[in-house]
C-alpha atoms as a PDB file:
ATOM      1  CA  UNK A   1    -230.098   9.487  36.325  1.00  0.00           C
ATOM      2  CA  UNK A   2    -226.493   9.704  35.117  1.00  0.00           C
ATOM      3  CA  UNK A   3    -225.955   8.673  31.531  1.00  0.00           C
ATOM      4  CA  UNK A   4    -224.281   5.280  30.962  1.00  0.00           C
ATOM      5  CA  UNK A   5    -220.544   5.420  31.502  1.00  0.00           C
ATOM      6  CA  UNK A   6    -217.953   4.468  28.940  1.00  0.00           C
ATOM      7  CA  UNK A   7    -215.776   1.690  30.362  1.00  0.00           C
ATOM      8  CA  UNK A   8    -212.260   1.574  28.953  1.00  0.00           C
ATOM      9  CA  UNK A   9    -211.674  -2.120  28.466  1.00  0.00           C
ATOM     10  CA  UNK A  10    -208.206  -3.595  28.981  1.00  0.00           C
ATOM     11  CA  UNK A  11    -209.436  -6.743  30.734  1.00  0.00           C
ATOM     12  CA  UNK A  12    -207.421  -9.920  30.074  1.00  0.00           C
ATOM     13  CA  UNK A  13    -208.568 -12.034  27.155  1.00  0.00           C
ATOM     14  CA  UNK A  14    -209.597 -15.679  27.580  1.00  0.00           C
ATOM     15  CA  UNK A  15    -206.324 -16.777  25.938  1.00  0.00           C
ATOM     16  CA  UNK A  16    -204.361 -14.995  28.670  1.00  0.00           C
ATOM     17  CA  UNK A  17    -206.459 -16.662  31.369  1.00  0.00           C
ATOM     18  CA  UNK A  18    -205.947 -20.072  29.759  1.00  0.00           C
ATOM     19  CA  UNK A  19    -202.205 -19.617  29.402  1.00  0.00           C
ATOM     20  CA  UNK A  20    -201.720 -18.467  33.004  1.00  0.00           C
ATOM     21  CA  UNK A  21    -203.795 -21.375  34.352  1.00  0.00           C
ATOM     22  CA  UNK A  22    -201.913 -23.986  32.303  1.00  0.00           C
ATOM     23  CA  UNK A  23    -198.554 -22.451  33.233  1.00  0.00           C
ATOM     24  CA  UNK A  24    -199.480 -22.397  36.910  1.00  0.00           C
ATOM     25  CA  UNK A  25    -200.719 -25.985  36.974  1.00  0.00           C
ATOM     26  CA  UNK A  26    -197.474 -27.203  35.389  1.00  0.00           C
ATOM     27  CA  UNK A  27    -195.263 -25.628  38.063  1.00  0.00           C
ATOM     28  CA  UNK A  28    -193.619 -27.868  40.708  1.00  0.00           C
ATOM     29  CA  UNK A  29    -195.722 -26.019  43.291  1.00  0.00           C
ATOM     30  CA  UNK A  30    -199.026 -25.672  41.481  1.00  0.00           C
ATOM     31  CA  UNK A  31    -200.591 -22.232  41.675  1.00  0.00           C
ATOM     32  CA  UNK A  32    -203.069 -19.951  39.946  1.00  0.00           C
ATOM     33  CA  UNK A  33    -202.787 -16.144  40.285  1.00  0.00           C
ATOM     34  CA  UNK A  34    -205.212 -14.811  42.882  1.00  0.00           C
ATOM     35  CA  UNK A  35    -206.508 -12.138  40.473  1.00  0.00           C
ATOM     36  CA  UNK A  36    -208.556 -14.869  38.776  1.00  0.00           C
ATOM     37  CA  UNK A  37    -210.601 -15.391  41.947  1.00  0.00           C
ATOM     38  CA  UNK A  38    -212.484 -12.212  41.013  1.00  0.00           C
ATOM     39  CA  UNK A  39    -214.901 -12.990  38.235  1.00  0.00           C
ATOM     40  CA  UNK A  40    -218.418 -11.613  38.704  1.00  0.00           C
ATOM     41  CA  UNK A  41    -219.483 -14.374  41.110  1.00  0.00           C
ATOM     42  CA  UNK A  42    -216.151 -14.298  42.913  1.00  0.00           C
ATOM     43  CA  UNK A  43    -216.435 -10.547  43.418  1.00  0.00           C
ATOM     44  CA  UNK A  44    -219.934 -10.960  44.894  1.00  0.00           C
ATOM     45  CA  UNK A  45    -218.716 -13.703  47.225  1.00  0.00           C
ATOM     46  CA  UNK A  46    -215.806 -11.556  48.365  1.00  0.00           C
ATOM     47  CA  UNK A  47    -218.223  -8.727  49.150  1.00  0.00           C
ATOM     48  CA  UNK A  48    -220.104 -11.253  51.304  1.00  0.00           C
ATOM     49  CA  UNK A  49    -216.852 -12.266  53.026  1.00  0.00           C
ATOM     50  CA  UNK A  50    -216.183  -8.663  54.018  1.00  0.00           C
ATOM     51  CA  UNK A  51    -219.418  -8.648  56.032  1.00  0.00           C
ATOM     52  CA  UNK A  52    -218.635 -11.810  58.033  1.00  0.00           C
ATOM     53  CA  UNK A  53    -218.068 -11.588  61.787  1.00  0.00           C
ATOM     54  CA  UNK A  54    -214.728 -13.378  61.524  1.00  0.00           C
ATOM     55  CA  UNK A  55    -213.366 -11.143  58.766  1.00  0.00           C
ATOM     56  CA  UNK A  56    -211.940  -8.190  60.694  1.00  0.00           C
ATOM     57  CA  UNK A  57    -210.041  -6.307  57.894  1.00  0.00           C
ATOM     58  CA  UNK A  58    -212.966  -4.545  56.222  1.00  0.00           C
ATOM     59  CA  UNK A  59    -214.793  -3.268  59.292  1.00  0.00           C
ATOM     60  CA  UNK A  60    -211.498  -2.308  60.951  1.00  0.00           C
ATOM     61  CA  UNK A  61    -210.321  -0.407  57.889  1.00  0.00           C
ATOM     62  CA  UNK A  62    -213.667   1.387  57.648  1.00  0.00           C
ATOM     63  CA  UNK A  63    -213.418   2.374  61.313  1.00  0.00           C
ATOM     64  CA  UNK A  64    -209.918   3.772  60.742  1.00  0.00           C
ATOM     65  CA  UNK A  65    -211.091   5.724  57.684  1.00  0.00           C
ATOM     66  CA  UNK A  66    -214.026   7.194  59.552  1.00  0.00           C
ATOM     67  CA  UNK A  67    -211.971   8.101  62.617  1.00  0.00           C
ATOM     68  CA  UNK A  68    -209.120   9.763  60.725  1.00  0.00           C
ATOM     69  CA  UNK A  69    -210.883  11.015  57.604  1.00  0.00           C
ATOM     70  CA  UNK A  70    -209.859  14.633  58.248  1.00  0.00           C
ATOM     71  CA  UNK A  71    -206.162  13.765  58.328  1.00  0.00           C
ATOM     72  CA  UNK A  72    -206.516  11.444  55.335  1.00  0.00           C
ATOM     73  CA  UNK A  73    -208.219  14.117  53.223  1.00  0.00           C
ATOM     74  CA  UNK A  74    -205.501  16.591  54.175  1.00  0.00           C
ATOM     75  CA  UNK A  75    -202.871  14.151  52.905  1.00  0.00           C
ATOM     76  CA  UNK A  76    -204.698  13.577  49.597  1.00  0.00           C
ATOM     77  CA  UNK A  77    -204.989  17.302  48.981  1.00  0.00           C
ATOM     78  CA  UNK A  78    -206.951  19.320  46.436  1.00  0.00           C
ATOM     79  CA  UNK A  79    -207.611  18.697  42.754  1.00  0.00           C
ATOM     80  CA  UNK A  80    -206.266  15.159  42.661  1.00  0.00           C
ATOM     81  CA  UNK A  81    -207.193  12.297  40.359  1.00  0.00           C
ATOM     82  CA  UNK A  82    -208.138   9.414  42.662  1.00  0.00           C
ATOM     83  CA  UNK A  83    -207.272   6.084  41.022  1.00  0.00           C
ATOM     84  CA  UNK A  84    -208.634   3.021  42.800  1.00  0.00           C
ATOM     85  CA  UNK A  85    -207.010  -0.334  42.164  1.00  0.00           C
ATOM     86  CA  UNK A  86    -209.387  -3.282  42.547  1.00  0.00           C
ATOM     87  CA  UNK A  87    -212.372  -1.044  43.161  1.00  0.00           C
ATOM     88  CA  UNK A  88    -214.954  -3.810  43.676  1.00  0.00           C
ATOM     89  CA  UNK A  89    -218.089  -2.344  45.237  1.00  0.00           C
ATOM     90  CA  UNK A  90    -216.238   0.895  46.171  1.00  0.00           C
ATOM     91  CA  UNK A  91    -217.824   0.837  49.633  1.00  0.00           C
ATOM     92  CA  UNK A  92    -214.811   2.354  51.392  1.00  0.00           C
ATOM     93  CA  UNK A  93    -214.265   4.808  48.552  1.00  0.00           C
ATOM     94  CA  UNK A  94    -217.557   6.505  49.336  1.00  0.00           C
ATOM     95  CA  UNK A  95    -216.163   7.569  52.704  1.00  0.00           C
ATOM     96  CA  UNK A  96    -213.430   9.409  50.814  1.00  0.00           C
ATOM     97  CA  UNK A  97    -215.758  10.814  48.144  1.00  0.00           C
ATOM     98  CA  UNK A  98    -218.039  12.271  50.810  1.00  0.00           C
ATOM     99  CA  UNK A  99    -215.114  14.358  52.063  1.00  0.00           C
ATOM    100  CA  UNK A 100    -213.327  15.140  48.775  1.00  0.00           C
ATOM    101  CA  UNK A 101    -215.728  17.434  46.885  1.00  0.00           C
ATOM    102  CA  UNK A 102    -212.984  18.920  44.684  1.00  0.00           C
ATOM    103  CA  UNK A 103    -211.537  15.783  43.149  1.00  0.00           C
ATOM    104  CA  UNK A 104    -210.587  16.259  39.519  1.00  0.00           C
ATOM    105  CA  UNK A 105    -211.740  12.713  38.700  1.00  0.00           C
ATOM    106  CA  UNK A 106    -212.292   9.246  40.093  1.00  0.00           C
ATOM    107  CA  UNK A 107    -210.835   6.313  38.122  1.00  0.00           C
ATOM    108  CA  UNK A 108    -212.000   2.903  39.397  1.00  0.00           C
ATOM    109  CA  UNK A 109    -209.997  -0.016  37.984  1.00  0.00           C
ATOM    110  CA  UNK A 110    -211.179  -3.605  38.324  1.00  0.00           C
ATOM    111  CA  UNK A 111    -210.579  -6.871  36.497  1.00  0.00           C
ATOM    112  CA  UNK A 112    -214.300  -7.812  36.576  1.00  0.00           C
ATOM    113  CA  UNK A 113    -215.925  -5.605  33.933  1.00  0.00           C
ATOM    114  CA  UNK A 114    -219.503  -6.482  34.919  1.00  0.00           C
ATOM    115  CA  UNK A 115    -218.940  -5.737  38.599  1.00  0.00           C
ATOM    116  CA  UNK A 116    -217.037  -2.546  37.740  1.00  0.00           C
ATOM    117  CA  UNK A 117    -219.730  -1.245  35.414  1.00  0.00           C
ATOM    118  CA  UNK A 118    -222.493  -1.548  38.019  1.00  0.00           C
ATOM    119  CA  UNK A 119    -220.418  -0.039  40.791  1.00  0.00           C
ATOM    120  CA  UNK A 120    -219.090   2.868  38.704  1.00  0.00           C
ATOM    121  CA  UNK A 121    -222.569   3.689  37.418  1.00  0.00           C
ATOM    122  CA  UNK A 122    -223.862   3.781  40.979  1.00  0.00           C
ATOM    123  CA  UNK A 123    -221.031   6.123  42.014  1.00  0.00           C
ATOM    124  CA  UNK A 124    -221.763   8.412  39.054  1.00  0.00           C
ATOM    125  CA  UNK A 125    -225.444   8.616  40.013  1.00  0.00           C
ATOM    126  CA  UNK A 126    -224.750   9.312  43.692  1.00  0.00           C
ATOM    127  CA  UNK A 127    -221.987  11.871  42.990  1.00  0.00           C
ATOM    128  CA  UNK A 128    -223.240  13.758  39.911  1.00  0.00           C
ATOM    129  CA  UNK A 129    -220.552  16.456  40.264  1.00  0.00           C
ATOM    130  CA  UNK A 130    -217.778  13.866  39.984  1.00  0.00           C
ATOM    131  CA  UNK A 131    -216.155  12.773  36.724  1.00  0.00           C
ATOM    132  CA  UNK A 132    -216.090   8.947  36.889  1.00  0.00           C
ATOM    133  CA  UNK A 133    -213.767   7.214  34.407  1.00  0.00           C
ATOM    134  CA  UNK A 134    -213.923   3.403  34.871  1.00  0.00           C
ATOM    135  CA  UNK A 135    -211.208   1.122  33.497  1.00  0.00           C
ATOM    136  CA  UNK A 136    -211.618  -2.665  33.186  1.00  0.00           C
ATOM    137  CA  UNK A 137    -208.097  -4.015  33.549  1.00  0.00           C
ATOM    138  CA  UNK A 138    -205.656  -6.120  35.463  1.00  0.00           C
ATOM    139  CA  UNK A 139    -204.039  -3.255  37.374  1.00  0.00           C
ATOM    140  CA  UNK A 140    -200.862  -5.303  37.727  1.00  0.00           C
ATOM    141  CA  UNK A 141    -200.440  -5.134  33.949  1.00  0.00           C
ATOM    142  CA  UNK A 142    -198.749  -1.847  33.096  1.00  0.00           C
ATOM    143  CA  UNK A 143    -200.108  -1.902  29.533  1.00  0.00           C
ATOM    144  CA  UNK A 144    -203.448  -0.298  30.464  1.00  0.00           C
ATOM    145  CA  UNK A 145    -203.745   3.467  29.997  1.00  0.00           C
ATOM    146  CA  UNK A 146    -205.354   5.979  32.298  1.00  0.00           C
ATOM    147  CA  UNK A 147    -208.132   8.125  30.807  1.00  0.00           C
ATOM    148  CA  UNK A 148    -207.756  11.891  30.683  1.00  0.00           C
ATOM    149  CA  UNK A 149    -209.877  14.119  32.869  1.00  0.00           C
ATOM    150  CA  UNK A 150    -211.727  17.103  31.500  1.00  0.00           C
ATOM    151  CA  UNK A 151    -210.563  19.004  34.602  1.00  0.00           C
ATOM    152  CA  UNK A 152    -207.126  20.158  35.673  1.00  0.00           C
ATOM    153  CA  UNK A 153    -205.386  17.447  37.698  1.00  0.00           C
ATOM    154  CA  UNK A 154    -202.959  18.704  40.346  1.00  0.00           C
ATOM    155  CA  UNK A 155    -201.546  15.251  41.125  1.00  0.00           C
ATOM    156  CA  UNK A 156    -202.439  11.546  41.088  1.00  0.00           C
ATOM    157  CA  UNK A 157    -203.283   9.482  44.146  1.00  0.00           C
ATOM    158  CA  UNK A 158    -203.741   5.717  43.938  1.00  0.00           C
ATOM    159  CA  UNK A 159    -206.164   4.203  46.440  1.00  0.00           C
ATOM    160  CA  UNK A 160    -205.466   0.555  47.213  1.00  0.00           C
ATOM    161  CA  UNK A 161    -207.736  -0.493  50.074  1.00  0.00           C
ATOM    162  CA  UNK A 162    -208.097  -3.819  51.835  1.00  0.00           C
ATOM    163  CA  UNK A 163    -205.090  -6.000  52.488  1.00  0.00           C
ATOM    164  CA  UNK A 164    -204.472  -6.733  48.801  1.00  0.00           C
ATOM    165  CA  UNK A 165    -200.843  -5.557  48.892  1.00  0.00           C
ATOM    166  CA  UNK A 166    -200.331  -8.700  50.963  1.00  0.00           C
ATOM    167  CA  UNK A 167    -201.224 -10.882  47.966  1.00  0.00           C
ATOM    168  CA  UNK A 168    -197.789 -10.139  46.529  1.00  0.00           C
ATOM    169  CA  UNK A 169    -194.644 -11.879  47.719  1.00  0.00           C
ATOM    170  CA  UNK A 170    -192.355  -9.135  49.115  1.00  0.00           C
ATOM    171  CA  UNK A 171    -190.116  -8.784  46.016  1.00  0.00           C
ATOM    172  CA  UNK A 172    -193.261  -8.626  43.872  1.00  0.00           C
ATOM    173  CA  UNK A 173    -194.743  -6.014  46.229  1.00  0.00           C
ATOM    174  CA  UNK A 174    -191.636  -3.860  45.755  1.00  0.00           C
ATOM    175  CA  UNK A 175    -191.910  -4.126  41.960  1.00  0.00           C
ATOM    176  CA  UNK A 176    -195.654  -3.380  42.117  1.00  0.00           C
ATOM    177  CA  UNK A 177    -195.083  -0.282  44.257  1.00  0.00           C
ATOM    178  CA  UNK A 178    -192.455   0.924  41.788  1.00  0.00           C
ATOM    179  CA  UNK A 179    -195.024   0.724  38.994  1.00  0.00           C
ATOM    180  CA  UNK A 180    -197.487   2.733  41.085  1.00  0.00           C
ATOM    181  CA  UNK A 181    -194.802   5.322  41.879  1.00  0.00           C
ATOM    182  CA  UNK A 182    -194.095   5.669  38.156  1.00  0.00           C
ATOM    183  CA  UNK A 183    -197.821   6.031  37.414  1.00  0.00           C
ATOM    184  CA  UNK A 184    -198.289   8.662  40.119  1.00  0.00           C
ATOM    185  CA  UNK A 185    -195.196  10.637  39.216  1.00  0.00           C
ATOM    186  CA  UNK A 186    -193.676  13.492  41.151  1.00  0.00           C
ATOM    187  CA  UNK A 187    -195.977  14.758  43.900  1.00  0.00           C
ATOM    188  CA  UNK A 188    -198.121  11.645  43.740  1.00  0.00           C
ATOM    189  CA  UNK A 189    -199.436   9.587  46.610  1.00  0.00           C
ATOM    190  CA  UNK A 190    -200.684   6.160  47.587  1.00  0.00           C
ATOM    191  CA  UNK A 191    -203.366   5.506  50.202  1.00  0.00           C
ATOM    192  CA  UNK A 192    -203.491   1.827  51.047  1.00  0.00           C
ATOM    193  CA  UNK A 193    -204.486  -0.755  53.608  1.00  0.00           C
ATOM    194  CA  UNK A 194    -201.815  -2.955  55.160  1.00  0.00           C
ATOM    195  CA  UNK A 195    -202.798  -5.886  57.360  1.00  0.00           C
ATOM    196  CA  UNK A 196    -200.708  -6.251  60.503  1.00  0.00           C
ATOM    197  CA  UNK A 197    -199.232  -9.282  62.234  1.00  0.00           C
ATOM    198  CA  UNK A 198    -201.420 -10.583  65.065  1.00  0.00           C
ATOM    199  CA  UNK A 199    -202.597 -13.670  66.945  1.00  0.00           C
ATOM    200  CA  UNK A 200    -202.628 -16.532  64.383  1.00  0.00           C
ATOM    201  CA  UNK A 201    -205.997 -17.694  65.783  1.00  0.00           C
ATOM    202  CA  UNK A 202    -207.605 -14.442  64.585  1.00  0.00           C
ATOM    203  CA  UNK A 203    -206.108 -14.991  61.145  1.00  0.00           C
ATOM    204  CA  UNK A 204    -207.249 -18.609  60.992  1.00  0.00           C
ATOM    205  CA  UNK A 205    -210.848 -17.671  61.768  1.00  0.00           C
ATOM    206  CA  UNK A 206    -210.821 -14.829  59.232  1.00  0.00           C
ATOM    207  CA  UNK A 207    -209.907 -17.190  56.377  1.00  0.00           C
ATOM    208  CA  UNK A 208    -211.884 -20.224  57.553  1.00  0.00           C
ATOM    209  CA  UNK A 209    -215.284 -18.765  58.395  1.00  0.00           C
ATOM    210  CA  UNK A 210    -217.894 -21.048  59.920  1.00  0.00           C
ATOM    211  CA  UNK A 211    -220.427 -20.318  57.156  1.00  0.00           C
ATOM    212  CA  UNK A 212    -218.042 -21.550  54.485  1.00  0.00           C
ATOM    213  CA  UNK A 213    -218.239 -18.398  52.347  1.00  0.00           C
ATOM    214  CA  UNK A 214    -214.447 -18.190  51.972  1.00  0.00           C
ATOM    215  CA  UNK A 215    -214.399 -21.847  50.943  1.00  0.00           C
ATOM    216  CA  UNK A 216    -217.062 -21.155  48.311  1.00  0.00           C
ATOM    217  CA  UNK A 217    -215.086 -18.128  47.095  1.00  0.00           C
ATOM    218  CA  UNK A 218    -211.908 -20.181  46.781  1.00  0.00           C
ATOM    219  CA  UNK A 219    -213.559 -23.149  45.052  1.00  0.00           C
ATOM    220  CA  UNK A 220    -215.358 -20.780  42.676  1.00  0.00           C
ATOM    221  CA  UNK A 221    -212.018 -20.436  40.905  1.00  0.00           C
ATOM    222  CA  UNK A 222    -212.288 -24.052  39.754  1.00  0.00           C
ATOM    223  CA  UNK A 223    -215.876 -23.467  38.642  1.00  0.00           C
ATOM    224  CA  UNK A 224    -214.743 -20.443  36.649  1.00  0.00           C
ATOM    225  CA  UNK A 225    -212.015 -22.481  34.954  1.00  0.00           C
ATOM    226  CA  UNK A 226    -214.611 -25.130  34.069  1.00  0.00           C
ATOM    227  CA  UNK A 227    -217.090 -22.596  32.724  1.00  0.00           C
ATOM    228  CA  UNK A 228    -214.699 -20.360  30.778  1.00  0.00           C
ATOM    229  CA  UNK A 229    -211.983 -22.793  29.697  1.00  0.00           C
ATOM    230  CA  UNK A 230    -214.021 -25.970  29.139  1.00  0.00           C
ATOM    231  CA  UNK A 231    -212.214 -27.809  31.912  1.00  0.00           C
ATOM    232  CA  UNK A 232    -213.530 -30.726  33.999  1.00  0.00           C
ATOM    233  CA  UNK A 233    -212.637 -30.115  37.639  1.00  0.00           C
ATOM    234  CA  UNK A 234    -214.970 -32.258  39.777  1.00  0.00           C
ATOM    235  CA  UNK A 235    -215.871 -29.582  42.295  1.00  0.00           C
ATOM    236  CA  UNK A 236    -217.022 -31.992  44.999  1.00  0.00           C
ATOM    237  CA  UNK A 237    -213.573 -33.616  44.960  1.00  0.00           C
ATOM    238  CA  UNK A 238    -211.814 -30.485  46.187  1.00  0.00           C
ATOM    239  CA  UNK A 239    -211.809 -28.627  49.490  1.00  0.00           C
ATOM    240  CA  UNK A 240    -210.662 -25.246  50.747  1.00  0.00           C
ATOM    241  CA  UNK A 241    -207.643 -24.911  53.021  1.00  0.00           C
ATOM    242  CA  UNK A 242    -206.188 -21.743  54.540  1.00  0.00           C
ATOM    243  CA  UNK A 243    -203.242 -21.869  56.936  1.00  0.00           C
ATOM    244  CA  UNK A 244    -200.967 -19.287  58.536  1.00  0.00           C
ATOM    245  CA  UNK A 245    -197.297 -19.757  57.718  1.00  0.00           C
ATOM    246  CA  UNK A 246    -195.743 -18.014  60.715  1.00  0.00           C
ATOM    247  CA  UNK A 247    -192.175 -18.205  59.412  1.00  0.00           C
ATOM    248  CA  UNK A 248    -193.143 -16.473  56.149  1.00  0.00           C
ATOM    249  CA  UNK A 249    -195.692 -14.194  57.845  1.00  0.00           C
ATOM    250  CA  UNK A 250    -198.497 -15.037  55.460  1.00  0.00           C
ATOM    251  CA  UNK A 251    -201.836 -16.772  55.097  1.00  0.00           C
ATOM    252  CA  UNK A 252    -201.694 -19.398  52.333  1.00  0.00           C
ATOM    253  CA  UNK A 253    -204.942 -20.338  50.636  1.00  0.00           C
ATOM    254  CA  UNK A 254    -205.213 -23.585  48.654  1.00  0.00           C
ATOM    255  CA  UNK A 255    -207.721 -25.906  47.056  1.00  0.00           C
ATOM    256  CA  UNK A 256    -206.877 -29.503  47.956  1.00  0.00           C
ATOM    257  CA  UNK A 257    -207.627 -32.684  45.988  1.00  0.00           C
ATOM    258  CA  UNK A 258    -209.661 -35.232  47.974  1.00  0.00           C
ATOM    259  CA  UNK A 259    -208.661 -38.172  45.759  1.00  0.00           C
ATOM    260  CA  UNK A 260    -206.386 -39.325  42.947  1.00  0.00           C
ATOM    261  CA  UNK A 261    -207.766 -37.672  39.817  1.00  0.00           C
ATOM    262  CA  UNK A 262    -206.948 -36.191  36.425  1.00  0.00           C
ATOM    263  CA  UNK A 263    -208.098 -32.871  35.002  1.00  0.00           C
ATOM    264  CA  UNK A 264    -208.305 -32.131  31.282  1.00  0.00           C
ATOM    265  CA  UNK A 265    -207.625 -28.639  29.968  1.00  0.00           C
ATOM    266  CA  UNK A 266    -207.008 -27.602  26.355  1.00  0.00           C
ATOM    267  CA  UNK A 267    -205.589 -31.020  25.461  1.00  0.00           C
ATOM    268  CA  UNK A 268    -203.392 -31.190  28.566  1.00  0.00           C
ATOM    269  CA  UNK A 269    -203.915 -33.827  31.254  1.00  0.00           C
ATOM    270  CA  UNK A 270    -202.962 -32.689  34.772  1.00  0.00           C
ATOM    271  CA  UNK A 271    -202.854 -35.459  37.368  1.00  0.00           C
ATOM    272  CA  UNK A 272    -203.372 -35.013  41.096  1.00  0.00           C
ATOM    273  CA  UNK A 273    -202.816 -37.348  44.009  1.00  0.00           C
ATOM    274  CA  UNK A 274    -204.989 -37.240  47.126  1.00  0.00           C
ATOM    275  CA  UNK A 275    -203.768 -34.286  49.190  1.00  0.00           C
ATOM    276  CA  UNK A 276    -202.190 -32.416  46.278  1.00  0.00           C
ATOM    277  CA  UNK A 277    -203.075 -28.751  46.273  1.00  0.00           C
ATOM    278  CA  UNK A 278    -203.268 -25.673  44.076  1.00  0.00           C
ATOM    279  CA  UNK A 279    -202.050 -22.483  45.759  1.00  0.00           C
ATOM    280  CA  UNK A 280    -204.632 -19.780  45.016  1.00  0.00           C
ATOM    281  CA  UNK A 281    -203.669 -16.847  47.235  1.00  0.00           C
ATOM    282  CA  UNK A 282    -201.080 -15.532  49.665  1.00  0.00           C
ATOM    283  CA  UNK A 283    -201.838 -12.790  52.172  1.00  0.00           C
ATOM    284  CA  UNK A 284    -198.744 -11.383  53.861  1.00  0.00           C
ATOM    285  CA  UNK A 285    -199.031  -9.650  57.214  1.00  0.00           C
ATOM    286  CA  UNK A 286    -196.510  -6.986  58.229  1.00  0.00           C
ATOM    287  CA  UNK A 287    -195.346  -4.959  61.174  1.00  0.00           C
ATOM    288  CA  UNK A 288    -195.372  -1.213  60.526  1.00  0.00           C
ATOM    289  CA  UNK A 289    -191.573  -1.266  60.418  1.00  0.00           C
ATOM    290  CA  UNK A 290    -191.458  -4.164  57.954  1.00  0.00           C
ATOM    291  CA  UNK A 291    -193.778  -2.413  55.536  1.00  0.00           C
ATOM    292  CA  UNK A 292    -191.818   0.831  55.828  1.00  0.00           C
ATOM    293  CA  UNK A 293    -188.854  -1.072  54.365  1.00  0.00           C
ATOM    294  CA  UNK A 294    -190.997  -2.487  51.529  1.00  0.00           C
ATOM    295  CA  UNK A 295    -192.328   0.998  50.733  1.00  0.00           C
ATOM    296  CA  UNK A 296    -188.863   2.559  50.644  1.00  0.00           C
ATOM    297  CA  UNK A 297    -187.600  -0.099  48.234  1.00  0.00           C
ATOM    298  CA  UNK A 298    -190.693   0.541  46.107  1.00  0.00           C
ATOM    299  CA  UNK A 299    -190.043   4.252  45.646  1.00  0.00           C
ATOM    300  CA  UNK A 300    -192.263   5.628  48.405  1.00  0.00           C
ATOM    301  CA  UNK A 301    -191.892   7.336  51.750  1.00  0.00           C
ATOM    302  CA  UNK A 302    -194.457   6.538  54.456  1.00  0.00           C
ATOM    303  CA  UNK A 303    -195.945   9.875  55.463  1.00  0.00           C
ATOM    304  CA  UNK A 304    -198.684   8.751  57.877  1.00  0.00           C
ATOM    305  CA  UNK A 305    -199.850   5.505  59.492  1.00  0.00           C
ATOM    306  CA  UNK A 306    -203.242   5.127  61.149  1.00  0.00           C
ATOM    307  CA  UNK A 307    -204.190   2.013  63.130  1.00  0.00           C
ATOM    308  CA  UNK A 308    -207.084   0.741  65.244  1.00  0.00           C
ATOM    309  CA  UNK A 309    -206.773   0.453  69.071  1.00  0.00           C
ATOM    310  CA  UNK A 310    -205.935  -3.271  68.831  1.00  0.00           C
ATOM    311  CA  UNK A 311    -203.364  -2.803  66.044  1.00  0.00           C
ATOM    312  CA  UNK A 312    -205.141  -5.305  63.825  1.00  0.00           C
ATOM    313  CA  UNK A 313    -204.897  -3.239  60.657  1.00  0.00           C
ATOM    314  CA  UNK A 314    -203.319  -0.079  59.280  1.00  0.00           C
ATOM    315  CA  UNK A 315    -204.189   2.567  56.716  1.00  0.00           C
ATOM    316  CA  UNK A 316    -201.090   4.296  55.358  1.00  0.00           C
ATOM    317  CA  UNK A 317    -200.396   7.323  53.163  1.00  0.00           C
ATOM    318  CA  UNK A 318    -197.230   7.166  51.069  1.00  0.00           C
ATOM    319  CA  UNK A 319    -195.670   9.823  48.861  1.00  0.00           C
ATOM    320  CA  UNK A 320    -193.449   9.179  45.868  1.00  0.00           C
ATOM    321  CA  UNK A 321    -189.715   9.413  46.498  1.00  0.00           C
ATOM    322  CA  UNK A 322    -188.538   8.412  43.004  1.00  0.00           C
ATOM    323  CA  UNK A 323    -187.015  11.081  40.811  1.00  0.00           C
END
């Protein structure tokens, strides 16, 4: 058995969580950053979502990885440090690790320290030759520091699977990519999943599953706020709503108040009318050409794009173009 890993801890403090929630609830359009959906329970629920029949992104991305793994490994190259943003259970990462025996190191980064610790320990036990350096952090906060590898690192490659790049509004996505390009430096790369535009009915079903797991995942955010911030959301007075905004090209996920009510948080009273909502997540969908423009503005060049036969999803490899 591998010895327990040291987790570098840059996870947000409770005060940061409280401040971002209060700030978001006071906005004209109330919102809470989607990163807070992923506490330990939220991360487990999202893992369950990825296995649902309606949720095409995960199985489609896995199929693309498996089909084109040779080309993907060739793009990543030898002796790289693989840095995974939002590592979660690292299920897709194992496909890469099975074909990248000469990685200098693997650095999983996740905001949920408990989930990260279990997953990273499992990776370390299954890949004993691999140096695993977990970091608990909000990867969108540039203040965290990467650990050093005991091996020589030829270049850095960030792995950003799923459709999480779509959680950023386009200008935010550009700024986020610029931070990744800076982190990777000259010769660096980015392997990421990008969800593609498609029939809105497919999107609706993916975010409104018949078993209600996505609803439970979304409403868990309110439970987390209650548990960690001593708030008093009445959970049975809220419902999940996910709609596709065709004009903006995005899924919008909300929790919606079922009645007139007031919520108390850290001395503040936030009032809601029936039908008022809190915006909890956006998920932008792109054409390949649209994302090429986003990547270029973010300091990257798109080197390769792999898609499934139905063009539901894409896996893309980008190289840094910033000097």
